Amino acid sequence: MGKKEILIGLLAAILIALLLSPFASQQPDGLERVAEDNGFLKKGGARPAIASPVPDYIWPGIKNKRTATQAAGAIGTVTVFLFAYVLSSFLKKRDTK
């Protein structure tokens, strides 16, 4: 796969993240829902070992909730892409030796 195809794929993924992220469900995920239903959601008072850079998928500092969610989706997409690209480049170089 060439760099042009990779770039087109990345742009398509970012566009999808920007367009579809505002439609994500506002309902709690499965584990959060179970904790809520069984009454121990509020008892989880321990602080996380690592603070989330984007809590609740809303980019900090952006007042408009829809725009903040879109930013989180796009930045998350780019972050995962970069991680996968660097990892695959490393593995490809390692494999050719």
PDB file of N, CA and C in Angstrom:
ATOM      1  N   MET A   1       0.858  -1.175   0.000  1.00  0.00           N
ATOM      2  CA  MET A   1       0.000   0.000   0.000  1.00  0.00           C
ATOM      3  C   MET A   1       0.901   1.233   0.000  1.00  0.00           C
ATOM      4  N   GLY A   2       0.609   2.174  -0.886  1.00  0.00           N
ATOM      5  CA  GLY A   2       1.418   3.367  -1.013  1.00  0.00           C
ATOM      6  C   GLY A   2       1.021   4.445  -0.020  1.00  0.00           C
ATOM      7  N   LYS A   3       1.868   5.471   0.050  1.00  0.00           N
ATOM      8  CA  LYS A   3       1.613   6.570   0.984  1.00  0.00           C
ATOM      9  C   LYS A   3       0.346   7.340   0.618  1.00  0.00           C
ATOM     10  N   LYS A   4       0.038   7.417  -0.667  1.00  0.00           N
ATOM     11  CA  LYS A   4      -1.171   8.114  -1.107  1.00  0.00           C
ATOM     12  C   LYS A   4      -2.423   7.418  -0.566  1.00  0.00           C
ATOM     13  N   GLU A   5      -2.445   6.097  -0.648  1.00  0.00           N
ATOM     14  CA  GLU A   5      -3.600   5.333  -0.155  1.00  0.00           C
ATOM     15  C   GLU A   5      -3.717   5.451   1.365  1.00  0.00           C
ATOM     16  N   ILE A   6      -2.567   5.450   2.040  1.00  0.00           N
ATOM     17  CA  ILE A   6      -2.579   5.595   3.500  1.00  0.00           C
ATOM     18  C   ILE A   6      -3.144   6.953   3.891  1.00  0.00           C
ATOM     19  N   LEU A   7      -2.718   8.004   3.193  1.00  0.00           N
ATOM     20  CA  LEU A   7      -3.205   9.349   3.476  1.00  0.00           C
ATOM     21  C   LEU A   7      -4.702   9.466   3.203  1.00  0.00           C
ATOM     22  N   ILE A   8      -5.166   8.872   2.114  1.00  0.00           N
ATOM     23  CA  ILE A   8      -6.598   8.892   1.800  1.00  0.00           C
ATOM     24  C   ILE A   8      -7.385   8.165   2.887  1.00  0.00           C
ATOM     25  N   GLY A   9      -6.862   7.031   3.344  1.00  0.00           N
ATOM     26  CA  GLY A   9      -7.524   6.281   4.419  1.00  0.00           C
ATOM     27  C   GLY A   9      -7.582   7.082   5.709  1.00  0.00           C
ATOM     28  N   LEU A  10      -6.487   7.756   6.047  1.00  0.00           N
ATOM     29  CA  LEU A  10      -6.461   8.582   7.257  1.00  0.00           C
ATOM     30  C   LEU A  10      -7.459   9.726   7.154  1.00  0.00           C
ATOM     31  N   LEU A  11      -7.490  10.399   6.024  1.00  0.00           N
ATOM     32  CA  LEU A  11      -8.447  11.501   5.840  1.00  0.00           C
ATOM     33  C   LEU A  11      -9.889  11.011   5.902  1.00  0.00           C
ATOM     34  N   ALA A  12     -10.157   9.838   5.332  1.00  0.00           N
ATOM     35  CA  ALA A  12     -11.505   9.270   5.402  1.00  0.00           C
ATOM     36  C   ALA A  12     -11.876   8.949   6.851  1.00  0.00           C
ATOM     37  N   ALA A  13     -10.935   8.401   7.603  1.00  0.00           N
ATOM     38  CA  ALA A  13     -11.197   8.072   9.011  1.00  0.00           C
ATOM     39  C   ALA A  13     -11.454   9.335   9.833  1.00  0.00           C
ATOM     40  N   ILE A  14     -10.685  10.394   9.572  1.00  0.00           N
ATOM     41  CA  ILE A  14     -10.892  11.657  10.287  1.00  0.00           C
ATOM     42  C   ILE A  14     -12.249  12.241   9.938  1.00  0.00           C
ATOM     43  N   LEU A  15     -12.617  12.197   8.671  1.00  0.00           N
ATOM     44  CA  LEU A  15     -13.924  12.705   8.248  1.00  0.00           C
ATOM     45  C   LEU A  15     -15.055  11.938   8.925  1.00  0.00           C
ATOM     46  N   ILE A  16     -14.928  10.628   8.986  1.00  0.00           N
ATOM     47  CA  ILE A  16     -15.940   9.813   9.665  1.00  0.00           C
ATOM     48  C   ILE A  16     -16.008  10.175  11.146  1.00  0.00           C
ATOM     49  N   ALA A  17     -14.843  10.343  11.782  1.00  0.00           N
ATOM     50  CA  ALA A  17     -14.817  10.714  13.210  1.00  0.00           C
ATOM     51  C   ALA A  17     -15.496  12.064  13.422  1.00  0.00           C
ATOM     52  N   LEU A  18     -15.230  13.015  12.550  1.00  0.00           N
ATOM     53  CA  LEU A  18     -15.825  14.345  12.694  1.00  0.00           C
ATOM     54  C   LEU A  18     -17.335  14.327  12.479  1.00  0.00           C
ATOM     55  N   LEU A  19     -17.779  13.535  11.517  1.00  0.00           N
ATOM     56  CA  LEU A  19     -19.204  13.527  11.184  1.00  0.00           C
ATOM     57  C   LEU A  19     -20.040  12.657  12.117  1.00  0.00           C
ATOM     58  N   LEU A  20     -19.484  11.549  12.567  1.00  0.00           N
ATOM     59  CA  LEU A  20     -20.285  10.594  13.344  1.00  0.00           C
ATOM     60  C   LEU A  20     -20.130  10.700  14.857  1.00  0.00           C
ATOM     61  N   SER A  21     -19.034  11.275  15.340  1.00  0.00           N
ATOM     62  CA  SER A  21     -18.824  11.325  16.786  1.00  0.00           C
ATOM     63  C   SER A  21     -19.925  12.072  17.544  1.00  0.00           C
ATOM     64  N   PRO A  22     -20.543  13.124  16.985  1.00  0.00           N
ATOM     65  CA  PRO A  22     -21.625  13.770  17.738  1.00  0.00           C
ATOM     66  C   PRO A  22     -22.864  12.883  17.940  1.00  0.00           C
ATOM     67  N   PHE A  23     -22.953  11.795  17.166  1.00  0.00           N
ATOM     68  CA  PHE A  23     -24.097  10.902  17.284  1.00  0.00           C
ATOM     69  C   PHE A  23     -23.846   9.724  18.221  1.00  0.00           C
ATOM     70  N   ALA A  24     -22.703   9.706  18.886  1.00  0.00           N
ATOM     71  CA  ALA A  24     -22.393   8.629  19.830  1.00  0.00           C
ATOM     72  C   ALA A  24     -23.411   8.625  20.970  1.00  0.00           C
ATOM     73  N   SER A  25     -23.684   7.472  21.481  1.00  0.00           N
ATOM     74  CA  SER A  25     -24.672   7.330  22.551  1.00  0.00           C
ATOM     75  C   SER A  25     -24.233   8.068  23.811  1.00  0.00           C
ATOM     76  N   GLN A  26     -25.171   8.731  24.442  1.00  0.00           N
ATOM     77  CA  GLN A  26     -24.911   9.418  25.699  1.00  0.00           C
ATOM     78  C   GLN A  26     -25.125   8.485  26.893  1.00  0.00           C
ATOM     79  N   GLN A  27     -25.592   7.262  26.625  1.00  0.00           N
ATOM     80  CA  GLN A  27     -25.843   6.280  27.675  1.00  0.00           C
ATOM     81  C   GLN A  27     -24.508   5.741  28.199  1.00  0.00           C
ATOM     82  N   PRO A  28     -24.465   5.331  29.464  1.00  0.00           N
ATOM     83  CA  PRO A  28     -23.215   4.776  30.006  1.00  0.00           C
ATOM     84  C   PRO A  28     -22.857   3.457  29.323  1.00  0.00           C
ATOM     85  N   ASP A  29     -21.553   3.136  29.300  1.00  0.00           N
ATOM     86  CA  ASP A  29     -21.138   1.865  28.711  1.00  0.00           C
ATOM     87  C   ASP A  29     -21.544   0.719  29.638  1.00  0.00           C
ATOM     88  N   GLY A  30     -21.277  -0.505  29.228  1.00  0.00           N
ATOM     89  CA  GLY A  30     -21.740  -1.677  29.968  1.00  0.00           C
ATOM     90  C   GLY A  30     -21.294  -1.738  31.411  1.00  0.00           C
ATOM     91  N   LEU A  31     -20.000  -1.561  31.658  1.00  0.00           N
ATOM     92  CA  LEU A  31     -19.482  -1.649  33.020  1.00  0.00           C
ATOM     93  C   LEU A  31     -20.019  -0.514  33.889  1.00  0.00           C
ATOM     94  N   GLU A  32     -20.077   0.679  33.337  1.00  0.00           N
ATOM     95  CA  GLU A  32     -20.615   1.817  34.088  1.00  0.00           C
ATOM     96  C   GLU A  32     -22.096   1.602  34.400  1.00  0.00           C
ATOM     97  N   ARG A  33     -22.822   1.016  33.465  1.00  0.00           N
ATOM     98  CA  ARG A  33     -24.253   0.762  33.671  1.00  0.00           C
ATOM     99  C   ARG A  33     -24.484  -0.263  34.784  1.00  0.00           C
ATOM    100  N   VAL A  34     -23.676  -1.316  34.811  1.00  0.00           N
ATOM    101  CA  VAL A  34     -23.785  -2.333  35.864  1.00  0.00           C
ATOM    102  C   VAL A  34     -23.501  -1.705  37.225  1.00  0.00           C
ATOM    103  N   ALA A  35     -22.451  -0.884  37.302  1.00  0.00           N
ATOM    104  CA  ALA A  35     -22.109  -0.221  38.563  1.00  0.00           C
ATOM    105  C   ALA A  35     -23.232   0.716  39.006  1.00  0.00           C
ATOM    106  N   GLU A  36     -23.838   1.400  38.052  1.00  0.00           N
ATOM    107  CA  GLU A  36     -24.942   2.304  38.353  1.00  0.00           C
ATOM    108  C   GLU A  36     -26.167   1.523  38.839  1.00  0.00           C
ATOM    109  N   ASP A  37     -26.507   0.441  38.136  1.00  0.00           N
ATOM    110  CA  ASP A  37     -27.680  -0.372  38.486  1.00  0.00           C
ATOM    111  C   ASP A  37     -27.532  -1.048  39.844  1.00  0.00           C
ATOM    112  N   ASN A  38     -26.301  -1.399  40.223  1.00  0.00           N
ATOM    113  CA  ASN A  38     -26.078  -2.090  41.487  1.00  0.00           C
ATOM    114  C   ASN A  38     -25.678  -1.160  42.624  1.00  0.00           C
ATOM    115  N   GLY A  39     -25.675   0.134  42.357  1.00  0.00           N
ATOM    116  CA  GLY A  39     -25.484   1.121  43.403  1.00  0.00           C
ATOM    117  C   GLY A  39     -24.070   1.329  43.901  1.00  0.00           C
ATOM    118  N   PHE A  40     -23.069   0.885  43.159  1.00  0.00           N
ATOM    119  CA  PHE A  40     -21.714   1.113  43.643  1.00  0.00           C
ATOM    120  C   PHE A  40     -20.901   2.035  42.734  1.00  0.00           C
ATOM    121  N   LEU A  41     -21.563   2.737  41.845  1.00  0.00           N
ATOM    122  CA  LEU A  41     -20.869   3.679  40.977  1.00  0.00           C
ATOM    123  C   LEU A  41     -20.235   4.810  41.777  1.00  0.00           C
ATOM    124  N   LYS A  42     -20.956   5.331  42.740  1.00  0.00           N
ATOM    125  CA  LYS A  42     -20.454   6.454  43.543  1.00  0.00           C
ATOM    126  C   LYS A  42     -19.399   6.022  44.559  1.00  0.00           C
ATOM    127  N   LYS A  43     -19.310   4.721  44.847  1.00  0.00           N
ATOM    128  CA  LYS A  43     -18.347   4.234  45.836  1.00  0.00           C
ATOM    129  C   LYS A  43     -16.942   4.117  45.265  1.00  0.00           C
ATOM    130  N   GLY A  44     -16.803   4.195  43.972  1.00  0.00           N
ATOM    131  CA  GLY A  44     -15.492   4.080  43.341  1.00  0.00           C
ATOM    132  C   GLY A  44     -14.719   5.374  43.469  1.00  0.00           C
ATOM    133  N   GLY A  45     -14.319   5.714  44.672  1.00  0.00           N
ATOM    134  CA  GLY A  45     -13.678   6.996  44.931  1.00  0.00           C
ATOM    135  C   GLY A  45     -12.176   7.021  44.706  1.00  0.00           C
ATOM    136  N   ALA A  46     -11.599   5.914  44.307  1.00  0.00           N
ATOM    137  CA  ALA A  46     -10.149   5.898  44.101  1.00  0.00           C
ATOM    138  C   ALA A  46      -9.777   6.741  42.884  1.00  0.00           C
ATOM    139  N   ARG A  47      -8.665   7.428  43.003  1.00  0.00           N
ATOM    140  CA  ARG A  47      -8.203   8.224  41.871  1.00  0.00           C
ATOM    141  C   ARG A  47      -7.510   7.306  40.869  1.00  0.00           C
ATOM    142  N   PRO A  48      -7.687   7.574  39.577  1.00  0.00           N
ATOM    143  CA  PRO A  48      -7.025   6.730  38.578  1.00  0.00           C
ATOM    144  C   PRO A  48      -5.514   6.911  38.624  1.00  0.00           C
ATOM    145  N   ALA A  49      -4.782   5.877  38.225  1.00  0.00           N
ATOM    146  CA  ALA A  49      -3.322   5.942  38.205  1.00  0.00           C
ATOM    147  C   ALA A  49      -2.838   6.962  37.181  1.00  0.00           C
ATOM    148  N   ILE A  50      -3.561   7.058  36.072  1.00  0.00           N
ATOM    149  CA  ILE A  50      -3.236   8.017  35.019  1.00  0.00           C
ATOM    150  C   ILE A  50      -4.511   8.787  34.688  1.00  0.00           C
ATOM    151  N   ALA A  51      -4.432  10.101  34.744  1.00  0.00           N
ATOM    152  CA  ALA A  51      -5.600  10.922  34.428  1.00  0.00           C
ATOM    153  C   ALA A  51      -5.863  10.892  32.928  1.00  0.00           C
ATOM    154  N   SER A  52      -7.120  10.841  32.562  1.00  0.00           N
ATOM    155  CA  SER A  52      -7.499  10.834  31.157  1.00  0.00           C
ATOM    156  C   SER A  52      -7.240  12.200  30.533  1.00  0.00           C
ATOM    157  N   PRO A  53      -6.569  12.235  29.383  1.00  0.00           N
ATOM    158  CA  PRO A  53      -6.354  13.529  28.731  1.00  0.00           C
ATOM    159  C   PRO A  53      -7.636  14.087  28.122  1.00  0.00           C
ATOM    160  N   VAL A  54      -8.593  13.203  27.845  1.00  0.00           N
ATOM    161  CA  VAL A  54      -9.861  13.621  27.246  1.00  0.00           C
ATOM    162  C   VAL A  54     -11.002  12.938  28.013  1.00  0.00           C
ATOM    163  N   PRO A  55     -11.342  13.463  29.194  1.00  0.00           N
ATOM    164  CA  PRO A  55     -12.388  12.817  29.983  1.00  0.00           C
ATOM    165  C   PRO A  55     -13.753  12.862  29.301  1.00  0.00           C
ATOM    166  N   ASP A  56     -14.444  11.735  29.313  1.00  0.00           N
ATOM    167  CA  ASP A  56     -15.778  11.586  28.723  1.00  0.00           C
ATOM    168  C   ASP A  56     -15.816  11.968  27.247  1.00  0.00           C
ATOM    169  N   TYR A  57     -14.709  11.792  26.547  1.00  0.00           N
ATOM    170  CA  TYR A  57     -14.606  12.040  25.106  1.00  0.00           C
ATOM    171  C   TYR A  57     -14.948  13.474  24.715  1.00  0.00           C
ATOM    172  N   ILE A  58     -14.676  14.412  25.612  1.00  0.00           N
ATOM    173  CA  ILE A  58     -14.916  15.827  25.337  1.00  0.00           C
ATOM    174  C   ILE A  58     -13.588  16.547  25.509  1.00  0.00           C
ATOM    175  N   TRP A  59     -13.099  17.173  24.445  1.00  0.00           N
ATOM    176  CA  TRP A  59     -11.800  17.837  24.480  1.00  0.00           C
ATOM    177  C   TRP A  59     -11.858  19.024  25.427  1.00  0.00           C
ATOM    178  N   PRO A  60     -10.956  19.073  26.412  1.00  0.00           N
ATOM    179  CA  PRO A  60     -10.962  20.163  27.387  1.00  0.00           C
ATOM    180  C   PRO A  60     -10.695  21.521  26.729  1.00  0.00           C
ATOM    181  N   GLY A  61     -11.349  22.548  27.238  1.00  0.00           N
ATOM    182  CA  GLY A  61     -11.134  23.905  26.756  1.00  0.00           C
ATOM    183  C   GLY A  61     -12.063  24.325  25.634  1.00  0.00           C
ATOM    184  N   ILE A  62     -12.815  23.391  25.078  1.00  0.00           N
ATOM    185  CA  ILE A  62     -13.775  23.730  24.021  1.00  0.00           C
ATOM    186  C   ILE A  62     -15.156  23.757  24.651  1.00  0.00           C
ATOM    187  N   LYS A  63     -15.797  24.908  24.604  1.00  0.00           N
ATOM    188  CA  LYS A  63     -17.084  25.079  25.299  1.00  0.00           C
ATOM    189  C   LYS A  63     -18.250  24.374  24.611  1.00  0.00           C
ATOM    190  N   ASN A  64     -18.258  24.334  23.292  1.00  0.00           N
ATOM    191  CA  ASN A  64     -19.334  23.671  22.558  1.00  0.00           C
ATOM    192  C   ASN A  64     -19.142  22.155  22.656  1.00  0.00           C
ATOM    193  N   LYS A  65     -20.110  21.454  23.247  1.00  0.00           N
ATOM    194  CA  LYS A  65     -19.970  20.020  23.510  1.00  0.00           C
ATOM    195  C   LYS A  65     -19.813  19.216  22.217  1.00  0.00           C
ATOM    196  N   ARG A  66     -20.562  19.577  21.187  1.00  0.00           N
ATOM    197  CA  ARG A  66     -20.489  18.851  19.914  1.00  0.00           C
ATOM    198  C   ARG A  66     -19.098  19.012  19.294  1.00  0.00           C
ATOM    199  N   THR A  67     -18.591  20.235  19.276  1.00  0.00           N
ATOM    200  CA  THR A  67     -17.267  20.499  18.714  1.00  0.00           C
ATOM    201  C   THR A  67     -16.188  19.811  19.542  1.00  0.00           C
ATOM    202  N   ALA A  68     -16.340  19.800  20.860  1.00  0.00           N
ATOM    203  CA  ALA A  68     -15.365  19.146  21.738  1.00  0.00           C
ATOM    204  C   ALA A  68     -15.338  17.637  21.484  1.00  0.00           C
ATOM    205  N   THR A  69     -16.498  17.043  21.239  1.00  0.00           N
ATOM    206  CA  THR A  69     -16.576  15.615  20.935  1.00  0.00           C
ATOM    207  C   THR A  69     -15.951  15.327  19.576  1.00  0.00           C
ATOM    208  N   GLN A  70     -16.205  16.196  18.603  1.00  0.00           N
ATOM    209  CA  GLN A  70     -15.606  16.019  17.286  1.00  0.00           C
ATOM    210  C   GLN A  70     -14.079  16.116  17.365  1.00  0.00           C
ATOM    211  N   ALA A  71     -13.591  17.074  18.124  1.00  0.00           N
ATOM    212  CA  ALA A  71     -12.143  17.227  18.277  1.00  0.00           C
ATOM    213  C   ALA A  71     -11.536  15.985  18.917  1.00  0.00           C
ATOM    214  N   ALA A  72     -12.196  15.461  19.942  1.00  0.00           N
ATOM    215  CA  ALA A  72     -11.703  14.251  20.605  1.00  0.00           C
ATOM    216  C   ALA A  72     -11.674  13.073  19.628  1.00  0.00           C
ATOM    217  N   GLY A  73     -12.717  12.943  18.814  1.00  0.00           N
ATOM    218  CA  GLY A  73     -12.757  11.857  17.831  1.00  0.00           C
ATOM    219  C   GLY A  73     -11.668  11.973  16.788  1.00  0.00           C
ATOM    220  N   ALA A  74     -11.474  13.178  16.264  1.00  0.00           N
ATOM    221  CA  ALA A  74     -10.451  13.386  15.234  1.00  0.00           C
ATOM    222  C   ALA A  74      -9.047  13.205  15.804  1.00  0.00           C
ATOM    223  N   ILE A  75      -8.787  13.765  16.965  1.00  0.00           N
ATOM    224  CA  ILE A  75      -7.460  13.657  17.560  1.00  0.00           C
ATOM    225  C   ILE A  75      -7.174  12.211  17.984  1.00  0.00           C
ATOM    226  N   GLY A  76      -8.193  11.526  18.479  1.00  0.00           N
ATOM    227  CA  GLY A  76      -8.025  10.113  18.814  1.00  0.00           C
ATOM    228  C   GLY A  76      -7.718   9.277  17.582  1.00  0.00           C
ATOM    229  N   THR A  77      -8.374   9.578  16.472  1.00  0.00           N
ATOM    230  CA  THR A  77      -8.125   8.862  15.224  1.00  0.00           C
ATOM    231  C   THR A  77      -6.689   9.073  14.757  1.00  0.00           C
ATOM    232  N   VAL A  78      -6.229  10.304  14.787  1.00  0.00           N
ATOM    233  CA  VAL A  78      -4.857  10.609  14.369  1.00  0.00           C
ATOM    234  C   VAL A  78      -3.846   9.953  15.311  1.00  0.00           C
ATOM    235  N   THR A  79      -4.127   9.971  16.603  1.00  0.00           N
ATOM    236  CA  THR A  79      -3.220   9.362  17.582  1.00  0.00           C
ATOM    237  C   THR A  79      -3.065   7.865  17.339  1.00  0.00           C
ATOM    238  N   VAL A  80      -4.181   7.174  17.148  1.00  0.00           N
ATOM    239  CA  VAL A  80      -4.134   5.730  16.896  1.00  0.00           C
ATOM    240  C   VAL A  80      -3.423   5.452  15.576  1.00  0.00           C
ATOM    241  N   PHE A  81      -3.698   6.273  14.554  1.00  0.00           N
ATOM    242  CA  PHE A  81      -3.025   6.101  13.270  1.00  0.00           C
ATOM    243  C   PHE A  81      -1.512   6.230  13.428  1.00  0.00           C
ATOM    244  N   LEU A  82      -1.070   7.287  14.093  1.00  0.00           N
ATOM    245  CA  LEU A  82       0.368   7.515  14.258  1.00  0.00           C
ATOM    246  C   LEU A  82       1.029   6.375  15.025  1.00  0.00           C
ATOM    247  N   PHE A  83       0.373   5.916  16.079  1.00  0.00           N
ATOM    248  CA  PHE A  83       0.906   4.796  16.851  1.00  0.00           C
ATOM    249  C   PHE A  83       1.047   3.563  15.966  1.00  0.00           C
ATOM    250  N   ALA A  84      -0.005   3.237  15.214  1.00  0.00           N
ATOM    251  CA  ALA A  84       0.029   2.055  14.352  1.00  0.00           C
ATOM    252  C   ALA A  84       1.063   2.206  13.235  1.00  0.00           C
ATOM    253  N   TYR A  85       1.186   3.410  12.687  1.00  0.00           N
ATOM    254  CA  TYR A  85       2.148   3.655  11.611  1.00  0.00           C
ATOM    255  C   TYR A  85       3.587   3.491  12.109  1.00  0.00           C
ATOM    256  N   VAL A  86       3.884   4.075  13.245  1.00  0.00           N
ATOM    257  CA  VAL A  86       5.234   3.960  13.810  1.00  0.00           C
ATOM    258  C   VAL A  86       5.541   2.509  14.175  1.00  0.00           C
ATOM    259  N   LEU A  87       4.573   1.832  14.795  1.00  0.00           N
ATOM    260  CA  LEU A  87       4.774   0.435  15.163  1.00  0.00           C
ATOM    261  C   LEU A  87       4.996  -0.439  13.929  1.00  0.00           C
ATOM    262  N   SER A  88       4.189  -0.230  12.899  1.00  0.00           N
ATOM    263  CA  SER A  88       4.346  -1.042  11.689  1.00  0.00           C
ATOM    264  C   SER A  88       5.666  -0.732  10.991  1.00  0.00           C
ATOM    265  N   SER A  89       6.093   0.525  11.007  1.00  0.00           N
ATOM    266  CA  SER A  89       7.385   0.879  10.413  1.00  0.00           C
ATOM    267  C   SER A  89       8.527   0.200  11.157  1.00  0.00           C
ATOM    268  N   PHE A  90       8.446   0.201  12.480  1.00  0.00           N
ATOM    269  CA  PHE A  90       9.460  -0.457  13.307  1.00  0.00           C
ATOM    270  C   PHE A  90       9.496  -1.955  13.026  1.00  0.00           C
ATOM    271  N   LEU A  91       8.334  -2.580  12.975  1.00  0.00           N
ATOM    272  CA  LEU A  91       8.275  -4.024  12.743  1.00  0.00           C
ATOM    273  C   LEU A  91       8.727  -4.386  11.331  1.00  0.00           C
ATOM    274  N   LYS A  92       8.422  -3.527  10.371  1.00  0.00           N
ATOM    275  CA  LYS A  92       8.831  -3.786   8.991  1.00  0.00           C
ATOM    276  C   LYS A  92      10.348  -3.712   8.869  1.00  0.00           C
ATOM    277  N   LYS A  93      10.978  -2.710   9.483  1.00  0.00           N
ATOM    278  CA  LYS A  93      12.436  -2.591   9.446  1.00  0.00           C
ATOM    279  C   LYS A  93      13.097  -3.771  10.156  1.00  0.00           C
ATOM    280  N   ARG A  94      12.505  -4.170  11.242  1.00  0.00           N
ATOM    281  CA  ARG A  94      13.051  -5.271  12.035  1.00  0.00           C
ATOM    282  C   ARG A  94      12.938  -6.585  11.263  1.00  0.00           C
ATOM    283  N   ASP A  95      11.852  -6.750  10.508  1.00  0.00           N
ATOM    284  CA  ASP A  95      11.597  -7.970   9.773  1.00  0.00           C
ATOM    285  C   ASP A  95      12.529  -8.128   8.565  1.00  0.00           C
ATOM    286  N   THR A  96      12.981  -7.019   7.990  1.00  0.00           N
ATOM    287  CA  THR A  96      13.827  -7.086   6.806  1.00  0.00           C
ATOM    288  C   THR A  96      15.290  -7.355   7.109  1.00  0.00           C
ATOM    289  N   LYS A  97      15.689  -7.305   8.366  1.00  0.00           N
ATOM    290  CA  LYS A  97      17.098  -7.515   8.740  1.00  0.00           C
ATOM    291  C   LYS A  97      17.444  -8.978   8.805  1.00  0.00           C
TER     292      LYS A  97
END
